[in-house]
Amino acid sequence: QVQLVESGGGLVQAGGSLRLSCSASGSIFSNNVMGWYRQAPGKQRELVAVILSGGSTYYADSLKGRFTISRDNAKNTVYLQMVSLKSEDTAVYFCNLRHPTVVGMDYWGKGTLVTVSS
């Protein structure tokens, strides 16, 4: 099993910045994809960004330029730097770790709430 714990959420004014962290523990497999997803009130969960163990990244088109994903493989931690936050970024942000090809090796954190006040 893999456990994921997010931190860094909170209340921020529009235009501000936040940095989310997600630490993974347990039976972590080295070949993995770590990512961030978010779910706003009344909406479906959506992709924010993912990063492969080798460092390649992929972002939701609408978030490119404002959000940056990174990871520290030695710490089994993934980060999400968010700048120029907007009220529409308000959501619960979830960390995900999965194997790139094996179905079922897919783990989620409990989420951290980001609230952007306008």
C-alpha atoms as a PDB file:
ATOM      1  CA  GLN A   1       0.000   0.000   0.000  1.00  0.00           C
ATOM      2  CA  VAL A   2       0.960   3.589  -0.589  1.00  0.00           C
ATOM      3  CA  GLN A   3      -0.065   6.490   1.595  1.00  0.00           C
ATOM      4  CA  LEU A   4      -0.177  10.062   0.330  1.00  0.00           C
ATOM      5  CA  VAL A   5      -0.438  13.104   2.573  1.00  0.00           C
ATOM      6  CA  GLU A   6      -1.024  16.566   1.140  1.00  0.00           C
ATOM      7  CA  SER A   7      -0.203  19.831   2.863  1.00  0.00           C
ATOM      8  CA  GLY A   8       0.018  23.518   2.101  1.00  0.00           C
ATOM      9  CA  GLY A   9      -3.569  24.385   1.341  1.00  0.00           C
ATOM     10  CA  GLY A  10      -5.327  27.344   2.864  1.00  0.00           C
ATOM     11  CA  LEU A  11      -6.927  30.693   2.256  1.00  0.00           C
ATOM     12  CA  VAL A  12      -5.222  33.126  -0.093  1.00  0.00           C
ATOM     13  CA  GLN A  13      -6.251  36.322  -1.801  1.00  0.00           C
ATOM     14  CA  ALA A  14      -6.649  36.491  -5.542  1.00  0.00           C
ATOM     15  CA  GLY A  15      -3.282  37.121  -7.145  1.00  0.00           C
ATOM     16  CA  GLY A  16      -1.453  35.342  -4.374  1.00  0.00           C
ATOM     17  CA  SER A  17       0.599  32.163  -4.347  1.00  0.00           C
ATOM     18  CA  LEU A  18       0.595  28.825  -2.596  1.00  0.00           C
ATOM     19  CA  ARG A  19       2.828  25.788  -2.641  1.00  0.00           C
ATOM     20  CA  LEU A  20       1.305  22.382  -2.087  1.00  0.00           C
ATOM     21  CA  SER A  21       3.299  19.359  -1.024  1.00  0.00           C
ATOM     22  CA  CYS A  22       2.464  15.678  -1.107  1.00  0.00           C
ATOM     23  CA  SER A  23       4.578  13.088   0.650  1.00  0.00           C
ATOM     24  CA  ALA A  24       4.327   9.442  -0.280  1.00  0.00           C
ATOM     25  CA  SER A  25       5.149   6.546   2.004  1.00  0.00           C
ATOM     26  CA  GLY A  26       4.741   2.792   2.061  1.00  0.00           C
ATOM     27  CA  SER A  27       5.411   0.386  -0.794  1.00  0.00           C
ATOM     28  CA  ILE A  28       6.425   2.969  -3.377  1.00  0.00           C
ATOM     29  CA  PHE A  29       7.426   1.678  -6.782  1.00  0.00           C
ATOM     30  CA  SER A  30      10.205   3.602  -8.494  1.00  0.00           C
ATOM     31  CA  ASN A  31       8.560   3.829 -11.923  1.00  0.00           C
ATOM     32  CA  ASN A  32       5.609   6.046 -11.155  1.00  0.00           C
ATOM     33  CA  VAL A  33       3.603   9.057 -12.158  1.00  0.00           C
ATOM     34  CA  MET A  34       2.763  11.606  -9.478  1.00  0.00           C
ATOM     35  CA  GLY A  35       0.220  14.285 -10.021  1.00  0.00           C
ATOM     36  CA  TRP A  36      -2.256  16.793  -8.770  1.00  0.00           C
ATOM     37  CA  TYR A  37      -5.942  16.873  -9.479  1.00  0.00           C
ATOM     38  CA  ARG A  38      -8.597  19.210  -8.158  1.00  0.00           C
ATOM     39  CA  GLN A  39     -12.301  19.196  -7.536  1.00  0.00           C
ATOM     40  CA  ALA A  40     -14.258  22.400  -7.207  1.00  0.00           C
ATOM     41  CA  PRO A  41     -17.663  22.468  -5.496  1.00  0.00           C
ATOM     42  CA  GLY A  42     -20.277  20.905  -7.729  1.00  0.00           C
ATOM     43  CA  LYS A  43     -17.762  19.896 -10.377  1.00  0.00           C
ATOM     44  CA  GLN A  44     -15.942  16.767 -11.400  1.00  0.00           C
ATOM     45  CA  ARG A  45     -12.366  16.085 -10.434  1.00  0.00           C
ATOM     46  CA  GLU A  46      -9.981  17.379 -13.086  1.00  0.00           C
ATOM     47  CA  LEU A  47      -6.331  17.025 -13.919  1.00  0.00           C
ATOM     48  CA  VAL A  48      -4.003  19.824 -12.851  1.00  0.00           C
ATOM     49  CA  ALA A  49      -0.572  18.409 -13.675  1.00  0.00           C
ATOM     50  CA  VAL A  50       1.432  15.202 -13.606  1.00  0.00           C
ATOM     51  CA  ILE A  51       5.129  14.448 -13.483  1.00  0.00           C
ATOM     52  CA  LEU A  52       6.884  11.216 -14.342  1.00  0.00           C
ATOM     53  CA  SER A  53       9.666   9.755 -12.255  1.00  0.00           C
ATOM     54  CA  GLY A  54      12.107  10.923 -14.922  1.00  0.00           C
ATOM     55  CA  GLY A  55      10.863  14.490 -14.649  1.00  0.00           C
ATOM     56  CA  SER A  56       8.649  14.891 -17.710  1.00  0.00           C
ATOM     57  CA  THR A  57       5.607  17.012 -16.977  1.00  0.00           C
ATOM     58  CA  TYR A  58       2.132  17.529 -18.375  1.00  0.00           C
ATOM     59  CA  TYR A  59      -0.277  20.324 -17.500  1.00  0.00           C
ATOM     60  CA  ALA A  60      -3.894  21.090 -18.096  1.00  0.00           C
ATOM     61  CA  ASP A  61      -3.860  23.663 -20.875  1.00  0.00           C
ATOM     62  CA  SER A  62      -5.768  26.244 -18.865  1.00  0.00           C
ATOM     63  CA  LEU A  63      -3.203  26.182 -16.055  1.00  0.00           C
ATOM     64  CA  LYS A  64       0.033  26.370 -18.013  1.00  0.00           C
ATOM     65  CA  GLY A  65       2.148  29.295 -16.940  1.00  0.00           C
ATOM     66  CA  ARG A  66       0.594  29.679 -13.512  1.00  0.00           C
ATOM     67  CA  PHE A  67       1.135  26.249 -11.986  1.00  0.00           C
ATOM     68  CA  THR A  68       4.418  24.355 -11.771  1.00  0.00           C
ATOM     69  CA  ILE A  69       4.769  20.732 -10.709  1.00  0.00           C
ATOM     70  CA  SER A  70       8.030  19.318  -9.420  1.00  0.00           C
ATOM     71  CA  ARG A  71       9.198  16.328  -7.448  1.00  0.00           C
ATOM     72  CA  ASP A  72      11.969  15.191  -5.160  1.00  0.00           C
ATOM     73  CA  ASN A  73      12.437  11.485  -5.746  1.00  0.00           C
ATOM     74  CA  ALA A  74      14.742  11.122  -2.751  1.00  0.00           C
ATOM     75  CA  LYS A  75      11.936  12.404  -0.513  1.00  0.00           C
ATOM     76  CA  ASN A  76       9.094  10.754  -2.444  1.00  0.00           C
ATOM     77  CA  THR A  77       7.464  14.153  -2.528  1.00  0.00           C
ATOM     78  CA  VAL A  78       5.675  16.080  -5.243  1.00  0.00           C
ATOM     79  CA  TYR A  79       5.043  19.813  -5.165  1.00  0.00           C
ATOM     80  CA  LEU A  80       2.659  22.183  -6.868  1.00  0.00           C
ATOM     81  CA  GLN A  81       3.640  25.834  -7.006  1.00  0.00           C
ATOM     82  CA  MET A  82       0.652  28.012  -7.807  1.00  0.00           C
ATOM     83  CA  VAL A  83       0.931  31.703  -8.631  1.00  0.00           C
ATOM     84  CA  SER A  84      -1.494  34.403  -9.730  1.00  0.00           C
ATOM     85  CA  LEU A  85      -4.298  32.483  -8.103  1.00  0.00           C
ATOM     86  CA  LYS A  86      -7.856  33.176  -9.161  1.00  0.00           C
ATOM     87  CA  SER A  87     -11.160  32.564  -7.421  1.00  0.00           C
ATOM     88  CA  GLU A  88     -11.856  29.768  -9.891  1.00  0.00           C
ATOM     89  CA  ASP A  89      -8.821  27.914  -8.538  1.00  0.00           C
ATOM     90  CA  THR A  90     -10.763  27.307  -5.334  1.00  0.00           C
ATOM     91  CA  ALA A  91     -11.006  23.549  -4.936  1.00  0.00           C
ATOM     92  CA  VAL A  92      -9.848  20.540  -3.010  1.00  0.00           C
ATOM     93  CA  TYR A  93      -6.500  19.514  -4.437  1.00  0.00           C
ATOM     94  CA  PHE A  94      -5.712  15.803  -4.467  1.00  0.00           C
ATOM     95  CA  CYS A  95      -2.372  14.096  -4.848  1.00  0.00           C
ATOM     96  CA  ASN A  96      -2.141  10.955  -6.949  1.00  0.00           C
ATOM     97  CA  LEU A  97       0.531   8.337  -7.430  1.00  0.00           C
ATOM     98  CA  ARG A  98       0.144   5.580  -9.988  1.00  0.00           C
ATOM     99  CA  HIS A  99       2.081   3.118 -12.051  1.00  0.00           C
ATOM    100  CA  PRO A 100       2.256   4.285 -15.682  1.00  0.00           C
ATOM    101  CA  THR A 101       1.078   0.970 -17.117  1.00  0.00           C
ATOM    102  CA  VAL A 102      -0.186  -1.382 -14.399  1.00  0.00           C
ATOM    103  CA  VAL A 103      -3.888  -1.028 -13.731  1.00  0.00           C
ATOM    104  CA  GLY A 104      -4.819  -0.942 -10.076  1.00  0.00           C
ATOM    105  CA  MET A 105      -1.621   0.598  -8.785  1.00  0.00           C
ATOM    106  CA  ASP A 106      -3.299   3.943  -8.290  1.00  0.00           C
ATOM    107  CA  TYR A 107      -3.376   5.813  -4.999  1.00  0.00           C
ATOM    108  CA  TRP A 108      -4.948   9.037  -3.770  1.00  0.00           C
ATOM    109  CA  GLY A 109      -4.459  11.388  -0.881  1.00  0.00           C
ATOM    110  CA  LYS A 110      -7.359  12.813   1.093  1.00  0.00           C
ATOM    111  CA  GLY A 111      -6.948  16.262  -0.388  1.00  0.00           C
ATOM    112  CA  THR A 112      -6.128  19.748   0.790  1.00  0.00           C
ATOM    113  CA  LEU A 113      -8.480  22.690   0.423  1.00  0.00           C
ATOM    114  CA  VAL A 114      -7.367  25.794  -1.418  1.00  0.00           C
ATOM    115  CA  THR A 115      -9.654  28.796  -1.121  1.00  0.00           C
ATOM    116  CA  VAL A 116      -8.955  31.896  -3.173  1.00  0.00           C
ATOM    117  CA  SER A 117     -10.821  34.984  -2.069  1.00  0.00           C
ATOM    118  CA  SER A 118     -11.617  37.707  -4.554  1.00  0.00           C
END
